[in-house]
Protein backbone atom coordinates (compact mmCIF):
# COMPACT_ATOMS: atom_id res chain seq x y z
CA MET A 1 119.70 102.98 77.31
CA ARG A 2 121.00 100.32 74.84
CA ILE A 3 124.71 100.32 74.03
CA LEU A 4 125.95 99.04 70.64
CA PRO A 5 129.84 98.82 70.00
CA ILE A 6 130.93 98.05 66.86
CA ALA A 7 134.37 96.69 66.07
CA SER A 8 136.61 95.11 63.64
CA GLY A 9 139.24 92.51 63.84
CA LYS A 10 141.19 94.84 60.75
CA GLY A 11 140.27 98.05 58.83
CA GLY A 12 138.99 98.56 55.97
CA VAL A 13 135.91 96.39 56.23
CA GLY A 14 133.40 99.02 56.41
CA LYS A 15 133.12 99.38 60.26
CA SER A 16 132.29 103.21 60.00
CA MET A 17 130.21 102.90 57.37
CA ALA A 18 127.85 100.33 59.67
CA ALA A 19 127.97 102.33 62.44
CA ALA A 20 126.90 105.72 60.79
CA ASN A 21 124.02 104.27 58.65
CA LEU A 22 122.81 102.10 61.41
CA ALA A 23 122.84 105.38 63.61
CA VAL A 24 120.62 107.25 61.25
CA ALA A 25 118.53 104.29 60.42
CA PHE A 26 117.89 104.40 64.10
CA ALA A 27 117.27 108.05 64.36
CA GLN A 28 114.76 107.44 61.56
CA MET A 29 113.03 104.95 63.57
CA LYS A 30 112.30 107.53 66.24
CA GLN A 31 115.30 106.59 68.56
CA ARG A 32 117.02 108.99 70.64
CA VAL A 33 120.41 108.36 69.04
CA VAL A 34 124.39 109.52 70.14
CA LEU A 35 127.22 107.92 67.94
CA ALA A 36 130.35 108.53 69.41
CA ASP A 37 133.57 108.05 67.40
CA LEU A 38 135.90 106.14 69.41
CA ASP A 39 138.27 105.15 66.52
CA LEU A 40 140.68 107.60 68.43
CA GLY A 41 144.06 108.23 66.57
CA ALA A 42 142.00 107.80 63.32
CA SER A 43 138.65 109.47 63.46
CA ASN A 44 136.92 110.11 60.52
CA LEU A 45 133.42 109.31 61.14
CA HIS A 46 132.33 112.90 60.87
CA LEU A 47 132.80 112.37 56.88
CA VAL A 48 130.46 109.62 56.72
CA ILE A 49 127.68 111.50 58.49
CA GLY A 50 128.28 114.51 56.56
CA HIS A 51 129.27 116.52 59.53
CA GLN A 52 131.35 119.51 59.55
CA ALA A 53 134.91 119.13 60.68
CA PRO A 54 134.88 118.93 64.28
CA LYS A 55 136.34 121.71 66.43
CA ALA A 56 136.41 119.77 69.68
CA GLY A 57 136.19 115.98 70.12
CA ILE A 58 136.91 113.16 72.64
CA GLY A 59 140.54 114.11 72.30
CA THR A 60 140.12 117.75 73.90
CA PHE A 61 137.85 115.88 76.76
CA LEU A 62 140.86 113.57 77.57
CA ASN A 63 143.38 116.07 77.55
CA ASP A 64 141.28 117.74 80.94
CA ILE A 65 138.55 114.99 82.11
CA ARG A 66 137.62 117.71 84.69
CA SER A 67 136.08 119.52 81.57
CA ASP A 68 132.64 119.43 80.96
CA PHE A 69 131.77 116.46 78.53
CA SER A 70 128.73 118.02 76.99
CA ASP A 71 131.06 120.37 75.35
CA VAL A 72 131.85 117.65 72.92
CA ILE A 73 128.39 116.38 72.16
CA THR A 74 127.12 117.96 68.65
CA GLY A 75 123.48 118.18 66.98
CA THR A 76 123.28 116.73 63.61
CA ASP A 77 121.05 117.56 60.57
CA ILE A 78 119.81 114.42 61.19
CA PRO A 79 116.59 114.69 63.79
CA GLY A 80 117.21 112.37 66.75
CA LEU A 81 120.92 112.17 66.08
CA ARG A 82 123.71 113.63 67.93
CA PHE A 83 127.23 113.35 67.59
CA ILE A 84 130.80 113.07 69.28
CA PRO A 85 133.69 113.37 67.22
CA GLY A 86 137.05 111.88 68.11
CA ASP A 87 140.20 113.48 67.73
CA ALA A 88 142.97 112.38 64.95
CA GLU A 89 144.68 115.38 65.97
CA ILE A 90 146.29 114.84 69.29
CA PRO A 91 148.86 112.58 69.04
CA GLY A 92 148.79 109.49 71.85
CA MET A 93 145.00 109.20 71.99
CA ALA A 94 144.94 105.64 70.67
CA ASN A 95 146.55 104.76 73.74
CA LEU A 96 144.11 105.88 76.55
CA LYS A 97 145.56 105.68 80.52
CA ALA A 98 143.03 104.24 82.99
CA SER A 99 141.94 107.15 84.47
CA GLN A 100 141.00 108.65 80.79
CA ARG A 101 139.03 105.61 80.02
CA ASN A 102 137.23 105.39 83.35
CA ALA A 103 136.19 108.98 82.79
CA LEU A 104 135.19 108.42 79.46
CA VAL A 105 132.88 105.34 80.25
CA LYS A 106 131.38 107.44 82.95
CA ASN A 107 130.53 110.00 80.74
CA LEU A 108 129.14 107.85 78.16
CA LEU A 109 126.65 106.01 80.38
CA ALA A 110 125.45 109.23 82.13
CA LEU A 111 123.92 109.81 78.50
CA GLU A 112 121.17 107.19 79.45
CA GLU A 113 119.35 110.21 80.79
CA THR A 114 119.00 111.86 77.30
CA ALA A 115 119.30 108.99 74.56
CA ASN A 116 117.95 105.27 74.40
CA MET A 117 120.49 104.31 72.04
CA LEU A 118 124.40 104.80 72.19
CA ILE A 119 126.40 103.61 69.24
CA LEU A 120 130.57 103.43 69.70
CA ASP A 121 132.45 103.20 66.39
CA LEU A 122 135.52 101.62 67.74
CA GLY A 123 139.30 101.57 66.54
CA ALA A 124 140.52 98.07 64.69
CA GLY A 125 142.47 95.60 66.51
CA THR A 126 142.75 94.36 69.98
CA HIS A 127 143.86 97.24 72.44
CA GLN A 128 142.88 96.82 75.86
CA SER A 129 141.02 99.96 75.48
CA ILE A 130 139.01 98.81 72.55
CA LEU A 131 138.35 95.42 74.25
CA ASP A 132 136.86 97.31 77.28
CA PHE A 133 134.56 99.55 75.35
CA PHE A 134 133.28 96.21 73.46
CA LEU A 135 132.71 94.68 76.72
CA LEU A 136 130.12 97.56 77.97
CA SER A 137 127.61 95.41 76.10
CA GLY A 138 127.15 91.51 75.89
CA GLN A 139 125.54 92.27 72.24
CA GLY A 140 128.24 94.16 70.78
CA ILE A 141 128.65 93.81 66.83
CA VAL A 142 132.11 92.71 64.75
CA ILE A 143 132.39 93.43 61.04
CA SER A 144 134.02 91.76 58.78
CA ALA A 145 134.52 90.97 54.98
CA PRO A 146 134.86 87.43 53.26
CA THR A 147 138.58 87.79 52.87
CA VAL A 148 140.74 85.05 54.80
CA THR A 149 142.55 87.91 56.80
CA ALA A 150 139.20 89.80 57.54
CA ILE A 151 137.80 86.33 58.93
CA LEU A 152 140.83 85.44 60.64
CA ASN A 153 140.91 88.76 62.94
CA ALA A 154 137.43 88.68 63.27
CA TYR A 155 137.79 85.46 65.26
CA VAL A 156 141.06 86.85 67.04
CA PHE A 157 139.38 90.11 68.21
CA LEU A 158 136.55 87.75 69.72
CA LYS A 159 139.17 85.55 71.28
CA ASN A 160 140.73 88.43 72.75
CA ALA A 161 137.21 90.13 73.62
CA VAL A 162 136.86 86.62 75.86
CA PHE A 163 140.20 86.89 77.37
CA ARG A 164 139.72 90.13 78.63
CA LEU A 165 136.27 89.34 79.91
CA MET A 166 137.64 86.98 82.04
CA TYR A 167 140.20 89.31 83.43
CA THR A 168 137.54 91.61 84.54
CA VAL A 169 135.40 89.20 86.47
CA CYS A 170 138.01 87.57 88.25
CA PRO A 171 139.31 89.67 91.18
CA LYS A 172 142.43 90.87 91.42
CA GLY A 173 144.78 88.33 93.62
CA SER A 174 142.19 85.40 93.35
CA PRO A 175 143.35 82.11 92.46
CA ALA A 176 141.18 82.43 89.30
CA TYR A 177 143.18 85.99 88.37
CA ASN A 178 146.48 84.13 89.45
CA TYR A 179 145.75 81.53 86.90
CA LEU A 180 145.24 83.95 84.04
CA GLU A 181 148.48 85.89 84.46
CA ALA A 182 150.42 82.68 84.99
CA SER A 183 148.49 81.25 81.58
CA ARG A 184 149.38 84.90 79.79
CA LYS A 185 152.97 84.66 80.63
CA ASP A 186 153.31 80.96 79.66
CA VAL A 187 155.20 80.96 76.17
CA SER A 188 155.10 77.23 76.08
CA GLY A 189 152.16 77.33 73.26
CA PRO A 190 148.89 78.37 72.26
CA LYS A 191 147.16 75.85 74.27
CA ARG A 192 147.28 78.44 76.97
CA LEU A 193 144.46 80.43 75.50
CA TYR A 194 142.33 77.50 74.85
CA ILE A 195 139.27 78.92 76.54
CA PRO A 196 137.19 75.77 77.32
CA ARG A 197 140.01 74.23 79.09
CA MET A 198 141.06 77.17 81.00
CA ILE A 199 137.26 77.83 82.21
CA GLN A 200 137.33 74.22 83.35
CA GLU A 201 140.38 74.92 85.41
CA ILE A 202 138.91 78.24 86.77
CA GLU A 203 135.65 76.12 88.13
CA HIS A 204 138.19 73.76 89.98
CA ILE A 205 140.49 76.33 91.45
CA ASP A 206 138.13 79.03 92.12
CA PRO A 207 134.48 78.17 92.30
CA LYS A 208 133.30 81.68 93.52
CA SER A 209 135.13 83.31 90.56
CA TYR A 210 133.75 80.64 88.43
CA GLU A 211 130.09 81.45 88.96
CA ARG A 212 130.67 85.31 88.41
CA LEU A 213 132.55 84.27 85.13
CA LYS A 214 129.85 81.99 84.10
CA LYS A 215 127.04 84.23 84.55
CA ASN A 216 129.02 86.97 82.35
CA LEU A 217 129.77 84.35 79.52
CA ASP A 218 126.00 83.21 79.33
CA HIS A 219 125.13 86.64 78.47
CA PHE A 220 127.92 87.70 76.33
CA HIS A 221 126.60 87.08 72.88
CA PRO A 222 128.56 88.86 69.97
CA ARG A 223 126.80 89.55 67.07
CA LEU A 224 128.45 89.42 63.38
CA ILE A 225 127.63 91.18 60.14
CA MET A 226 129.53 90.07 57.41
CA ASN A 227 130.12 93.16 54.89
CA MET A 228 131.43 93.47 51.25
CA ILE A 229 130.50 90.40 49.96
CA GLU A 230 130.25 89.69 45.85
CA ASP A 231 127.90 86.57 45.59
CA PRO A 232 125.78 84.19 48.08
CA LYS A 233 129.15 82.12 48.55
CA ASP A 234 130.60 84.82 50.35
CA ALA A 235 128.37 84.71 52.96
CA GLU A 236 129.18 80.99 53.76
CA VAL A 237 132.79 81.94 55.51
CA ALA A 238 130.61 83.40 58.32
CA LEU A 239 130.07 79.48 59.49
CA LYS A 240 134.18 79.24 59.98
CA VAL A 241 133.92 82.01 62.46
CA ARG A 242 131.16 80.63 64.17
CA ARG A 243 132.59 77.04 64.50
CA SER A 244 135.65 78.33 65.58
CA CYS A 245 134.00 80.44 68.30
CA GLU A 246 132.30 77.74 69.21
CA GLU A 247 134.69 75.17 69.50
CA TYR A 248 137.87 77.20 70.90
CA LEU A 249 136.12 79.86 72.74
CA ASP A 250 132.93 78.06 74.19
CA LEU A 251 131.12 81.12 72.71
CA LYS A 252 127.97 81.50 70.46
CA ILE A 253 127.59 84.28 68.13
CA GLU A 254 124.62 85.41 66.23
CA HIS A 255 124.60 86.52 62.63
CA LEU A 256 122.81 89.78 62.24
CA GLY A 257 123.15 89.44 58.17
CA ILE A 258 125.22 90.28 55.13
CA ILE A 259 125.76 93.58 53.14
CA TYR A 260 126.70 93.44 49.45
CA ARG A 261 129.55 95.50 48.31
CA ASP A 262 128.22 98.29 46.24
CA GLY A 263 129.92 101.02 44.42
CA LEU A 264 127.01 103.63 45.75
CA GLN A 265 129.07 103.61 48.91
CA ASP A 266 131.67 105.60 47.25
CA THR A 267 129.64 107.99 45.75
CA ALA A 268 127.62 108.61 48.75
CA LEU A 269 130.49 109.40 50.86
CA ALA A 270 131.97 111.75 48.04
CA SER A 271 128.86 113.37 48.46
CA ARG A 272 128.80 113.52 52.46
CA LEU A 273 125.69 111.46 52.87
CA PRO A 274 125.25 108.51 54.63
CA ILE A 275 124.01 105.42 52.08
CA VAL A 276 120.61 105.47 53.74
CA LEU A 277 120.02 109.06 53.16
CA TYR A 278 121.72 109.12 49.55
CA LYS A 279 119.67 105.89 48.24
CA PRO A 280 117.83 104.37 51.07
CA ARG A 281 116.25 101.76 48.70
CA SER A 282 119.71 100.61 47.50
CA ILE A 283 120.55 96.79 47.97
CA LEU A 284 122.92 98.27 50.74
CA GLY A 285 120.63 100.53 52.30
CA GLN A 286 117.87 98.10 52.50
CA ALA A 287 120.36 95.87 54.37
CA ILE A 288 121.25 98.43 56.78
CA TYR A 289 117.11 98.84 57.45
CA ARG A 290 117.01 95.16 58.02
CA ILE A 291 119.92 94.90 60.44
CA ALA A 292 118.33 97.60 62.36
CA ASP A 293 114.88 96.03 62.60
CA LYS A 294 116.64 92.89 63.90
CA ILE A 295 118.52 94.70 66.67
CA LEU A 296 115.50 96.81 67.77
CA SER A 297 113.29 93.49 68.02
CA SER A 298 115.65 91.51 69.65
CA ASN A 299 115.72 91.71 73.67
CA GLU A 300 118.67 92.79 75.23
CA ALA A 301 117.90 92.41 78.80
CA ASP A 302 119.06 89.17 80.32
CA TYR A 303 119.03 88.10 76.77
CA VAL A 304 120.73 84.06 76.66
CA LEU A 305 121.19 82.82 73.36
CA ASP A 306 120.50 79.07 72.62
CA LYS A 307 121.68 76.74 69.62
CA GLU A 308 118.29 76.91 68.01
CA ASP A 309 118.61 80.85 68.21
CA VAL A 310 122.07 80.84 66.38
CA ASP A 311 120.91 78.43 63.86
CA ASP A 312 117.98 80.15 62.87
CA SER A 313 120.23 84.01 62.56
CA PHE A 314 122.71 81.79 60.03
CA GLN A 315 119.94 80.49 57.80
CA GLU A 316 118.09 83.91 57.89
CA ALA A 317 121.34 85.28 56.74
CA ALA A 318 121.93 82.95 54.23
CA LEU A 319 118.87 83.15 52.45
CA GLU A 320 119.16 87.00 52.76
CA ALA A 321 122.14 86.74 50.87
CA GLU A 322 120.42 84.87 47.88
CA ILE A 323 117.74 87.32 48.03
CA ASP A 324 119.80 90.50 47.80
CA PHE A 325 121.87 88.57 44.99
CA GLU A 326 118.98 88.24 42.94
CA SER A 327 117.77 91.85 43.46
CA LYS A 328 121.16 93.23 42.88
CA THR A 329 121.23 91.14 39.28
CA GLU A 330 117.63 92.73 38.39
CA TYR A 331 119.06 95.64 39.36
CA VAL A 332 122.21 95.87 37.09
CA GLU A 333 119.51 94.55 34.30
CA GLU A 334 117.59 97.27 34.65
CA LEU A 335 120.55 100.06 34.25
CA LEU A 336 121.61 98.05 31.21
CA HIS A 337 117.88 98.13 29.24
CA SER A 338 117.59 101.67 30.49
CA GLY A 339 121.10 102.81 29.35
CA ALA A 340 121.87 104.54 32.68
CA LEU A 341 124.77 101.39 32.66
CA THR A 342 126.59 100.73 29.32
CA GLN A 343 128.11 97.77 28.62
CA GLY A 344 131.52 99.40 28.90
CA ASP A 345 131.17 100.16 32.40
CA LEU A 346 129.80 96.66 33.03
CA LEU A 347 133.08 95.20 31.39
CA GLU A 348 134.92 97.69 33.40
CA THR A 349 133.44 96.46 36.70
CA VAL A 350 134.42 92.95 35.96
CA LYS A 351 138.10 93.70 35.25
CA SER A 352 137.91 95.24 38.71
CA GLN A 353 136.45 92.36 40.40
CA GLN A 354 138.82 89.84 38.71
CA LEU A 355 141.85 91.98 39.75
CA GLU A 356 140.28 92.13 43.39
CA ILE A 357 140.04 88.15 43.09
CA THR A 358 143.69 87.62 42.05
CA LYS A 359 144.73 89.96 44.87
CA LEU A 360 142.60 87.53 47.10
CA LYS A 361 143.97 84.56 45.78
CA LYS A 362 147.73 85.46 46.24
CA GLU A 363 146.76 86.48 49.83
CA ASN A 364 145.15 83.00 50.34
CA ASN A 365 148.50 81.43 48.87
CA PHE A 366 150.96 83.42 50.97
CA LEU A 367 149.07 82.72 54.37
CA LYS A 368 148.84 78.90 53.26
CA LEU A 369 152.55 79.14 53.11
CA LYS A 370 153.04 80.68 56.36
CA LEU A 371 150.90 78.03 57.69
CA SER A 372 152.59 75.57 56.17
CA LYS A 373 155.98 76.30 57.32
CA ALA A 374 154.66 76.97 60.90
CA LEU A 375 153.36 73.23 60.83
CA SER A 376 156.86 72.02 59.37
CA GLN A 377 158.42 73.47 62.27
CA GLY A 378 156.07 71.79 64.73
CA TYR A 379 153.16 74.19 65.72
CA LYS A 380 150.45 72.18 66.73
CA PRO A 381 147.18 74.28 66.58
């Protein structure tokens, strides 16, 4: 069973949209799919796939981990797709106890008897439970938008995922584990989380733990999807995530592709339909299918990513951004000529985009000011 955790450093970047639509796309490709809403405390994935409000969900199971997990797995109107609702009604679901997390993982992994694809829609942020679910696969997906904060949070999420992986691999009480603990508690500065230097130190003080860590890191290659882009230049910011991961985390990431912002997604959501069912031939729908094809055609077992693979994935994503932009422009022209889209509609769209750009500029200036103040106070990156 292929496990596909989907995460994001921050909310509002289209994580649940991607999870739901990929699940539907895989089901259409004759996969036996289970989609689980693990955004506990803010569960609303059922709205994206057009499922009725759940009577029971993961929260119900976690309140009684001795209950039958199959009771919270429901069928859908989409052949080949089953759904596990989350639970936003039961307080404290976002903060799982170790026993709850272990019971949930055990039952999720047991689904391999009836499914060959398990998609986990995780909560936003870097809570330990979220990181543990993300690490169930070496090829989890991180969704980001091209905004400064979204990119920064995507990198921070990956940094925390690597650090969590180091903790889980090094046995408690070992020299490597004690070193990680001392580094975590050290408040002398951010150098303590410079991963390449930490790995070198672990190799020196604890060769056995280093061998286990090296093996796990060699097979840990998260994948990036850049969502909500407006033009091909937006896709280029993915390179910043790549450079930061390679330089500061010693981590290779693969680019799965880009998705343009599309107003049809709001219409599809209001219609309680995934975009691949509402408008499968839309730019957004085709991007989902393209990403799904890449995932299915990739080799998951013992997969080691080299520099050439990374280069190819980023070059392909840049090319897709150019092609989709041309298709998007042609589509708008067709709507104008057909009368389906008036010049007034187009002007209104441009105005809303200008407001969004102004907002992003203010956000960028604010972050620059904070960084400038931090540097003036002696912060060293």
